[in-house]
Protein backbone atom coordinates (compact mmCIF):
# COMPACT_ATOMS: atom_id res chain seq x y z
CA MET A 1 -9.52 3.50 24.61
CA MET A 2 -5.86 3.21 25.57
CA PRO A 3 -4.05 6.03 27.59
CA HIS A 4 -3.14 8.99 25.55
CA LYS A 5 0.72 8.38 25.88
CA ALA A 6 0.53 4.95 24.77
CA TRP A 7 -1.78 5.66 22.02
CA ASN A 8 0.75 8.49 20.70
CA GLN A 9 3.39 5.56 20.93
CA SER A 10 1.25 3.12 18.89
CA ILE A 11 0.72 5.78 16.29
CA ARG A 12 4.74 6.44 15.71
CA ILE A 13 5.10 2.30 15.44
CA LEU A 14 1.75 2.38 12.79
CA SER A 15 3.41 5.30 10.86
CA GLY A 16 6.96 3.60 11.00
CA GLY A 17 5.46 0.47 9.29
CA ARG A 18 3.55 2.02 6.88
CA PHE A 19 6.52 4.31 5.72
CA LEU A 20 8.46 0.97 5.59
CA SER A 21 6.11 -1.10 3.73
CA SER A 22 5.41 2.36 1.00
CA ALA A 23 9.05 2.82 0.62
CA GLY A 24 9.82 -0.94 0.26
CA LEU A 25 7.52 -1.31 -2.50
CA THR A 26 8.09 1.81 -4.33
CA GLY A 27 11.65 0.91 -4.13
CA ILE A 28 12.06 -2.12 -5.69
CA SER A 29 9.05 -1.53 -8.32
CA PRO A 30 10.77 0.68 -10.56
CA PHE A 31 13.57 -2.07 -10.83
CA ILE A 32 11.83 -4.98 -11.54
CA PRO A 33 12.53 -5.27 -15.16
CA TYR A 34 16.24 -4.80 -14.59
CA TYR A 35 15.80 -7.84 -11.93
CA MET A 36 14.21 -10.21 -14.75
CA GLU A 37 17.38 -9.37 -16.99
CA HIS A 38 19.60 -10.57 -14.35
CA MET A 39 17.24 -14.10 -13.92
CA ASN A 40 17.83 -14.42 -17.81
CA ALA A 41 13.91 -14.03 -18.23
CA GLY A 42 14.44 -14.49 -22.02
CA THR A 43 13.62 -12.29 -24.84
CA PRO A 44 12.78 -8.18 -24.53
CA GLU A 45 9.41 -9.49 -24.91
CA GLU A 46 9.25 -12.02 -22.29
CA VAL A 47 11.01 -9.89 -19.90
CA LEU A 48 7.95 -7.32 -20.46
CA MET A 49 5.41 -10.30 -19.63
CA TRP A 50 7.14 -11.08 -16.36
CA THR A 51 7.64 -7.54 -15.41
CA GLY A 52 3.98 -7.09 -16.08
CA LEU A 53 2.58 -9.87 -14.08
CA SER A 54 5.03 -9.24 -11.39
CA VAL A 55 4.03 -5.54 -10.84
CA SER A 56 0.10 -6.56 -10.81
CA ALA A 57 0.44 -10.01 -8.99
CA PRO A 58 0.49 -8.37 -5.23
CA ALA A 59 -3.00 -6.19 -6.19
CA LEU A 60 -4.48 -9.45 -6.87
CA SER A 61 -3.61 -11.49 -4.35
CA TYR A 62 -4.33 -8.55 -1.86
CA ALA A 63 -7.64 -8.03 -3.14
CA LEU A 64 -8.57 -11.49 -2.60
CA LEU A 65 -7.24 -12.14 0.96
CA THR A 66 -7.35 -8.73 2.78
CA PRO A 67 -11.02 -9.60 3.80
CA PHE A 68 -10.20 -12.58 5.18
CA TRP A 69 -7.37 -11.12 7.28
CA GLY A 70 -9.74 -8.58 8.59
CA LYS A 71 -11.87 -10.98 9.69
CA ILE A 72 -9.12 -13.02 11.71
CA GLY A 73 -8.40 -9.49 13.03
CA ASP A 74 -11.54 -9.03 14.29
CA ARG A 75 -11.73 -12.26 16.27
CA TRP A 76 -8.45 -12.29 17.53
CA SER A 77 -6.18 -9.23 17.92
CA ARG A 78 -5.61 -6.08 15.66
CA LYS A 79 -2.23 -5.74 17.23
CA TRP A 80 -1.03 -9.11 15.93
CA MET A 81 -2.64 -8.49 12.49
CA VAL A 82 0.02 -5.33 12.38
CA VAL A 83 2.71 -7.89 13.10
CA ARG A 84 1.38 -10.34 11.00
CA ALA A 85 1.62 -7.82 7.89
CA LEU A 86 4.71 -6.72 8.68
CA VAL A 87 6.23 -10.03 8.96
CA GLY A 88 4.41 -11.00 5.82
CA LEU A 89 6.25 -8.38 3.72
CA ALA A 90 9.64 -8.91 5.07
CA LEU A 91 9.39 -12.92 4.47
CA SER A 92 7.99 -12.02 0.92
CA MET A 93 10.91 -9.70 0.19
CA PHE A 94 13.46 -12.02 1.33
CA LEU A 95 12.17 -14.69 -0.76
CA MET A 96 12.06 -12.68 -3.70
CA GLY A 97 15.76 -11.74 -3.15
CA ILE A 98 16.51 -15.31 -3.65
CA ALA A 99 14.53 -16.31 -6.17
CA GLN A 100 16.26 -17.91 -9.18
CA THR A 101 13.34 -17.87 -11.72
CA PRO A 102 11.00 -15.27 -13.08
CA PHE A 103 8.33 -17.64 -12.05
CA GLN A 104 9.40 -17.96 -8.89
CA PHE A 105 9.78 -14.17 -8.02
CA PHE A 106 6.21 -14.07 -9.37
CA LEU A 107 5.01 -16.40 -6.93
CA PHE A 108 6.56 -14.62 -4.06
CA ARG A 109 5.27 -11.00 -5.31
CA LEU A 110 1.89 -13.00 -5.06
CA CYS A 111 2.76 -13.88 -1.35
CA GLN A 112 3.71 -10.02 -0.92
CA GLY A 113 0.06 -9.38 -1.46
CA ALA A 114 -1.43 -11.95 0.24
CA PHE A 115 0.44 -11.98 3.47
CA GLY A 116 1.26 -8.11 3.60
CA GLY A 117 -1.54 -5.65 3.89
CA ILE A 118 -0.39 -3.24 6.82
CA SER A 119 -2.36 -0.35 5.43
CA ASP A 120 -5.44 -2.46 6.30
CA ALA A 121 -4.45 -3.81 9.72
CA SER A 122 -3.18 -0.21 10.77
CA SER A 123 -6.39 1.51 9.66
CA ALA A 124 -8.38 -1.33 11.85
CA PHE A 125 -6.25 -0.70 14.76
CA VAL A 126 -6.89 3.01 14.28
CA GLY A 127 -10.49 2.54 14.28
CA SER A 128 -10.52 0.68 17.58
CA HIS A 129 -7.91 2.48 19.52
CA ALA A 130 -7.85 6.06 18.39
CA PRO A 131 -9.40 8.76 20.62
CA ALA A 132 -12.72 9.36 19.36
CA LYS A 133 -12.25 13.00 17.90
CA GLN A 134 -8.78 12.08 16.60
CA GLN A 135 -9.60 9.45 14.22
CA GLY A 136 -9.44 11.59 11.29
CA PHE A 137 -5.79 13.05 12.30
CA ALA A 138 -4.47 9.48 13.04
CA LEU A 139 -5.38 8.29 9.45
CA GLY A 140 -3.62 11.58 8.02
CA ARG A 141 -0.64 10.71 10.01
CA LEU A 142 -0.73 7.36 8.59
CA GLU A 143 -1.05 8.74 5.18
CA ARG A 144 1.12 11.10 5.47
CA ALA A 145 3.47 8.19 6.42
CA SER A 146 2.60 6.35 3.16
CA ALA A 147 3.49 9.66 1.20
CA ALA A 148 7.22 9.93 2.56
CA GLY A 149 7.43 6.46 1.86
CA LEU A 150 6.55 7.27 -1.75
CA LEU A 151 8.79 9.86 -2.09
CA VAL A 152 11.48 8.52 -0.17
CA GLY A 153 11.52 4.68 -1.84
CA PRO A 154 12.63 5.50 -5.54
CA LEU A 155 15.39 7.49 -4.45
CA LEU A 156 16.66 5.16 -1.87
CA GLY A 157 16.09 2.33 -4.23
CA SER A 158 18.01 3.81 -6.93
CA ILE A 159 20.96 4.68 -4.68
CA CYS A 160 20.96 0.84 -3.63
CA VAL A 161 20.65 -0.72 -6.77
CA ASN A 162 23.23 1.62 -8.22
CA THR A 163 25.86 0.44 -5.71
CA TRP A 164 25.00 -3.10 -4.37
CA GLY A 165 22.43 -4.12 -7.17
CA SER A 166 19.12 -5.22 -6.82
CA ARG A 167 19.18 -8.57 -4.51
CA PRO A 168 21.13 -6.47 -1.44
CA LEU A 169 17.62 -3.87 -2.09
CA LEU A 170 15.28 -6.66 -1.02
CA PHE A 171 17.38 -7.97 1.68
CA ILE A 172 17.96 -4.64 3.39
CA THR A 173 14.26 -4.08 3.05
CA ALA A 174 13.64 -7.37 4.26
CA GLY A 175 15.45 -6.80 7.38
CA LEU A 176 14.31 -3.20 8.30
CA THR A 177 10.75 -4.47 8.19
CA MET A 178 11.28 -7.68 10.12
CA ALA A 179 12.75 -5.47 12.71
CA PHE A 180 10.03 -3.07 12.61
CA ALA A 181 7.77 -6.36 13.10
CA LEU A 182 9.50 -7.18 16.33
CA LEU A 183 9.51 -3.43 17.72
CA ALA A 184 5.49 -3.62 16.90
CA ALA A 185 5.48 -6.96 18.62
CA SER A 186 7.26 -5.89 21.77
CA SER A 187 6.09 -2.00 21.86
CA LEU A 188 2.73 -1.60 20.17
CA ALA A 189 -0.39 -1.41 22.74
CA GLY A 190 -3.61 -2.51 22.55
CA ALA A 191 -3.23 -6.50 22.35
CA ALA A 192 -6.65 -6.93 24.13
CA LYS A 193 -9.04 -9.07 22.01
CA PRO A 194 -11.64 -6.73 20.02
CA GLY A 195 -15.32 -6.91 20.28
CA LYS A 196 -15.42 -4.93 23.96
CA SER A 197 -17.03 -1.91 22.62
CA LEU A 198 -19.04 -0.34 19.61
CA SER A 199 -17.65 2.58 18.51
CA ILE A 200 -20.89 4.72 16.80
CA PRO A 201 -21.60 8.27 15.93
CA PHE A 202 -22.91 10.31 19.09
CA SER A 203 -25.23 13.33 18.41
CA ALA A 204 -25.04 14.90 21.89
CA ASP A 205 -22.47 17.35 21.42
CA LYS A 206 -23.23 20.50 19.10
CA ARG A 207 -21.60 22.44 16.84
CA ALA A 208 -21.35 26.51 17.45
CA ASP A 209 -24.39 27.05 14.99
CA GLY A 210 -26.33 24.28 16.80
CA SER A 211 -26.45 21.37 14.28
CA ALA A 212 -25.35 18.16 15.67
CA SER A 213 -21.67 17.11 15.50
CA PRO A 214 -21.13 13.70 14.21
CA VAL A 215 -18.60 12.71 17.26
CA GLN A 216 -17.87 9.53 18.38
CA ARG A 217 -17.36 7.81 21.50
CA SER A 218 -16.86 4.03 22.87
CA VAL A 219 -20.18 2.51 24.37
CA PRO A 220 -20.10 -0.78 26.25
CA VAL A 221 -22.01 -3.51 24.26
CA THR A 222 -24.32 -4.01 27.09
CA GLU A 223 -25.63 -0.20 26.73
CA LEU A 224 -26.42 -1.08 22.93
CA ALA A 225 -27.23 -4.80 23.18
CA ALA A 226 -31.06 -4.17 22.32
CA LYS A 227 -30.10 -2.03 19.26
CA ALA A 228 -27.33 -3.83 17.59
CA PRO A 229 -28.16 -6.69 14.92
CA PRO A 230 -26.95 -9.97 15.27
CA ASP A 231 -23.03 -10.52 15.21
CA LYS A 232 -22.68 -11.95 11.67
CA GLY A 233 -19.81 -10.45 11.02
CA GLY A 234 -18.78 -12.55 7.66
CA ILE A 235 -16.63 -12.27 4.78
CA LEU A 236 -19.73 -11.87 2.61
CA HIS A 237 -21.65 -10.63 5.06
CA ALA A 238 -19.04 -7.32 5.13
CA PHE A 239 -19.39 -7.14 1.11
CA ARG A 240 -23.28 -7.13 1.81
CA SER A 241 -23.07 -4.31 4.49
CA LEU A 242 -20.87 -1.99 2.11
CA VAL A 243 -23.28 -2.39 -0.66
CA PHE A 244 -26.88 -2.33 0.60
CA HIS A 245 -25.89 0.76 2.83
CA PRO A 246 -26.60 3.86 1.02
CA LEU A 247 -23.81 5.73 2.44
CA ALA A 248 -21.10 3.05 2.47
CA ARG A 249 -22.20 1.87 -0.89
CA ARG A 250 -21.98 5.56 -2.77
CA LEU A 251 -18.35 6.25 -0.63
CA VAL A 252 -16.87 2.89 -1.54
CA LEU A 253 -17.93 3.61 -5.26
CA ALA A 254 -16.82 7.13 -5.32
CA GLY A 255 -13.19 5.15 -3.88
CA ILE A 256 -13.32 3.07 -6.81
CA VAL A 257 -13.36 5.88 -9.47
CA PHE A 258 -10.61 7.94 -7.46
CA LYS A 259 -8.63 4.95 -7.56
CA LEU A 260 -9.31 4.41 -11.32
CA VAL A 261 -8.35 7.66 -12.10
CA ASP A 262 -4.75 7.79 -10.22
CA PHE A 263 -3.97 4.47 -11.87
CA ALA A 264 -4.79 5.57 -15.41
CA THR A 265 -3.30 8.67 -15.59
CA PHE A 266 -0.18 7.39 -13.97
CA THR A 267 0.33 4.55 -16.29
CA MET A 268 0.42 7.59 -19.30
CA PHE A 269 2.15 9.99 -17.19
CA THR A 270 5.72 8.94 -18.89
CA PRO A 271 4.58 8.90 -22.31
CA PHE A 272 2.53 12.19 -21.88
CA ILE A 273 5.58 14.07 -20.59
CA ARG A 274 7.74 12.64 -23.28
CA GLU A 275 5.44 14.24 -25.87
CA LEU A 276 5.82 17.55 -24.14
CA ILE A 277 9.70 17.35 -23.83
CA PRO A 278 10.92 14.87 -26.53
CA SER A 279 14.60 15.29 -25.11
CA SER A 280 16.96 13.45 -22.98
CA THR A 281 15.55 15.49 -19.67
CA ALA A 282 12.26 13.93 -20.07
CA ALA A 283 13.05 11.08 -17.40
CA LEU A 284 14.50 13.79 -15.20
CA VAL A 285 11.31 15.91 -15.51
CA VAL A 286 9.02 12.68 -14.84
CA GLY A 287 10.94 11.97 -11.80
CA LEU A 288 10.34 15.54 -10.31
CA LEU A 289 7.14 15.78 -11.41
CA LEU A 290 6.24 12.47 -9.57
CA ALA A 291 8.13 13.68 -6.77
CA MET A 292 5.88 16.89 -6.28
CA SER A 293 2.73 14.65 -6.21
CA SER A 294 4.23 12.70 -3.16
CA VAL A 295 5.28 16.31 -1.57
CA GLY A 296 1.63 17.54 -2.15
CA GLU A 297 0.05 14.31 -0.24
CA LEU A 298 3.24 14.60 2.57
CA VAL A 299 2.04 18.04 3.11
CA GLY A 300 -2.20 17.58 2.43
CA ALA A 301 -2.39 14.10 4.18
CA SER A 302 -2.53 15.57 8.11
CA TRP A 303 -3.89 18.90 7.22
CA TRP A 304 -7.03 16.90 5.57
CA GLY A 305 -6.92 14.67 8.76
CA LYS A 306 -7.43 17.24 11.36
CA ARG A 307 -10.31 18.73 8.99
CA ASN A 308 -12.08 15.68 9.00
CA ASP A 309 -12.11 15.61 12.78
CA ARG A 310 -13.66 19.36 12.60
CA HIS A 311 -16.19 19.37 9.46
CA ALA A 312 -18.16 16.75 7.99
CA PRO A 313 -16.14 14.33 6.45
CA GLU A 314 -18.46 14.14 3.41
CA SER A 315 -18.35 17.72 2.51
CA ASN A 316 -14.26 17.63 2.53
CA LEU A 317 -14.55 14.69 0.25
CA ARG A 318 -16.43 16.89 -2.25
CA TRP A 319 -14.24 19.43 -2.41
CA ALA A 320 -11.06 17.54 -2.78
CA ALA A 321 -12.64 15.76 -5.42
CA LEU A 322 -13.71 18.64 -7.40
CA LEU A 323 -10.32 20.17 -7.02
CA CYS A 324 -8.26 17.19 -7.58
CA GLY A 325 -10.35 16.79 -10.95
CA ILE A 326 -9.86 20.48 -11.83
CA CYS A 327 -5.80 19.60 -11.50
CA VAL A 328 -6.10 16.47 -13.67
CA LEU A 329 -7.81 18.69 -16.30
CA ALA A 330 -5.00 21.03 -15.61
CA HIS A 331 -2.48 18.83 -17.26
CA THR A 332 -3.72 19.65 -21.07
CA LEU A 333 -3.10 23.25 -20.71
CA PRO A 334 -0.11 24.56 -22.70
CA LEU A 335 1.62 26.21 -20.19
CA GLY A 336 5.01 24.41 -19.75
CA VAL A 337 6.76 22.43 -17.23
CA ALA A 338 6.98 25.06 -14.41
CA TRP A 339 2.90 25.20 -14.69
CA LEU A 340 2.96 21.02 -14.10
CA ILE A 341 5.10 21.39 -11.05
CA ALA A 342 2.45 23.61 -9.15
CA ILE A 343 -0.30 21.25 -10.77
CA ARG A 344 1.19 17.96 -9.79
CA PHE A 345 1.54 19.54 -5.99
CA LEU A 346 -2.04 20.64 -6.01
CA GLN A 347 -3.10 17.49 -7.12
CA GLY A 348 -1.21 15.18 -4.44
CA PHE A 349 -2.45 17.55 -1.82
CA PHE A 350 -6.18 17.13 -2.80
CA TYR A 351 -5.70 13.38 -3.62
CA SER A 352 -4.20 12.68 -0.38
CA ALA A 353 -7.79 13.36 1.36
CA LEU A 354 -9.94 11.16 -0.80
CA LEU A 355 -8.99 7.55 0.10
CA GLN A 356 -8.51 8.47 3.86
CA THR A 357 -11.78 10.48 4.20
CA VAL A 358 -13.57 7.17 2.32
CA MET A 359 -11.90 5.22 5.09
CA LEU A 360 -12.59 7.08 8.03
CA ASN A 361 -16.55 7.06 6.78
CA VAL A 362 -16.09 2.95 6.94
CA LEU A 363 -14.32 3.11 10.62
CA ARG A 364 -17.41 5.62 11.80
CA SER A 365 -20.07 3.11 10.32
CA SER A 366 -18.63 0.04 11.75
CA THR A 367 -18.79 -1.65 14.85
CA ASP A 368 -15.46 -3.06 17.12
CA SER A 369 -16.73 -6.69 16.10
CA ASP A 370 -16.69 -5.91 12.21
CA ARG A 371 -14.42 -3.20 11.50
CA GLY A 372 -11.32 -5.26 10.13
CA VAL A 373 -13.41 -7.45 7.77
CA ARG A 374 -15.37 -4.19 6.58
CA ILE A 375 -11.84 -2.42 5.98
CA GLY A 376 -10.45 -5.35 4.10
CA ALA A 377 -13.85 -5.70 2.15
CA THR A 378 -13.33 -1.72 1.39
CA ASN A 379 -10.00 -2.17 0.01
CA SER A 380 -10.76 -5.21 -1.87
CA MET A 381 -13.45 -3.36 -3.57
CA LEU A 382 -11.31 -0.38 -4.31
CA MET A 383 -8.81 -2.65 -6.13
CA VAL A 384 -11.10 -2.89 -8.90
CA GLY A 385 -10.52 0.71 -9.84
CA GLN A 386 -6.22 -0.08 -9.44
CA LEU A 387 -6.60 -3.25 -11.47
CA THR A 388 -9.02 -1.64 -14.28
CA GLY A 389 -7.25 1.83 -14.28
CA PRO A 390 -4.09 1.33 -16.26
CA THR A 391 -5.85 -0.79 -19.01
CA LEU A 392 -8.50 2.08 -19.52
CA GLY A 393 -5.71 4.77 -19.46
CA VAL A 394 -3.91 2.73 -22.30
CA TRP A 395 -7.22 1.98 -24.34
CA ILE A 396 -7.80 5.76 -24.13
CA GLY A 397 -4.33 6.91 -25.27
CA ALA A 398 -4.38 4.23 -28.07
CA ALA A 399 -8.09 5.65 -29.27
CA TRP A 400 -7.67 9.37 -28.70
CA GLY A 401 -4.14 10.34 -27.85
CA ILE A 402 -2.51 10.52 -24.55
CA SER A 403 -3.69 14.19 -23.65
CA ALA A 404 -7.30 12.75 -24.23
CA VAL A 405 -6.46 10.37 -20.85
CA TYR A 406 -6.08 13.39 -18.46
CA LEU A 407 -8.92 15.25 -20.34
CA VAL A 408 -11.53 12.29 -19.91
CA MET A 409 -10.23 11.13 -16.40
CA GLY A 410 -10.50 14.48 -15.01
CA PHE A 411 -14.08 14.80 -16.08
CA VAL A 412 -14.49 11.42 -14.33
CA MET A 413 -13.37 12.78 -10.90
CA VAL A 414 -15.32 16.03 -11.41
CA ALA A 415 -18.35 13.23 -11.95
CA ALA A 416 -17.70 11.65 -8.81
CA LEU A 417 -19.18 14.75 -7.26
CA PHE A 418 -22.53 13.29 -8.04
CA VAL A 419 -21.67 9.78 -6.35
CA VAL A 420 -20.25 11.41 -3.02
CA PRO A 421 -23.36 11.90 -0.91
CA ARG A 422 -24.01 15.39 0.97
CA SER A 423 -24.55 13.00 3.96
CA PRO A 424 -27.86 14.38 6.04
CA VAL A 425 -26.95 14.41 9.93
CA SER A 426 -29.68 11.80 10.18
CA GLU A 427 -28.02 8.95 7.84
CA ARG A 428 -24.63 9.93 10.04
CA GLN A 429 -25.99 9.53 12.94
CA ALA A 430 -27.83 6.12 12.78
CA PRO A 431 -24.95 3.28 11.41
CA LEU A 432 -26.29 0.46 13.20
CA GLN A 433 -29.88 0.82 11.88
CA VAL A 434 -28.88 -1.44 8.90
CA PRO A 435 -27.13 -4.91 9.08
CA LEU A 436 -23.43 -3.85 9.22
CA GLN A 437 -21.90 -6.59 11.04
């Protein structure tokens, strides 16, 4: 564990990287159709085809490559995985800026997902270097930085595109990200090779009511040599450890459901608002409501992170999933735009707890020698929800109407409560009794 001052500096750098990554990605994504038109992609149908391929490309390559980068980080250095992710994002943005054809742009979007991944790299860094009782708080700060990027990215992107055009936006983002990569390389602490200690739940601390508290501390490897399983740590083994460990399996499944609901409803959000407000102000209302969700995530991310350090994360996850599902269902109530403003804020607030809590449990059930690859495997599995959600949302909307998307997805989110475990204390205290490495 690094000194407190060095850790504070590191978390600021990680948060800045998450902010730049999030703002850069959301800043360019809404304007890809205009970019395709400038590259003479062809007919309107061909523009839509290349737009769809380019939007989905990073998610696909990210899902395939992220466990590999996690494994490299476990064997080499998690600091340099953060730097690698920032450099990869910067270079892919630059290449997109010089692309001359839609196919080139699509390839460079694949590179963006394949060589980026600051989310995984920063989460693995937190798991190895955060003070034991502040891992939830640290993940909350990173989630807050991502939410801030989601909030300001489209706004800054629209200003840049209207002022200078699409290509300068990519070059500016690439330059800022590369500058931050250099800052991380020179200032980010904790360059030592992973694998020097194991972080496991330690049950000696007690809550006021006498129950065990799932607190962690770093324990020398020699203390656990007789208990720890052999260091397999491979990518396939990481997937197996998530599938066969009862607690991890249920949490990852819940995370897939959360992603599926989020992207299914997001895909149909603009048509949903156009049905409610068939006027020229619909676009403005869509932007306002999407911004309110990001504001809710910005406010809630750190709050839930701190709460995860003080209370059982599984309990927090159940409450957040329930209340988020109720907010999704509340979209179908005919109470006007003012009602939706409040609902979108609350939905963002509760949603900000979900994925960071899943990731916190993965961190706490991992060892220092396999933390990165398990985080990568987790995010790879979560991409199933992101990739299938839009298609499912469109299918439900076409079959039963757009409002049915929010009705069905709301019940799906609430049903995830039965997937999220209550997690008995004994189950939280013995993650090394199963092959997790």
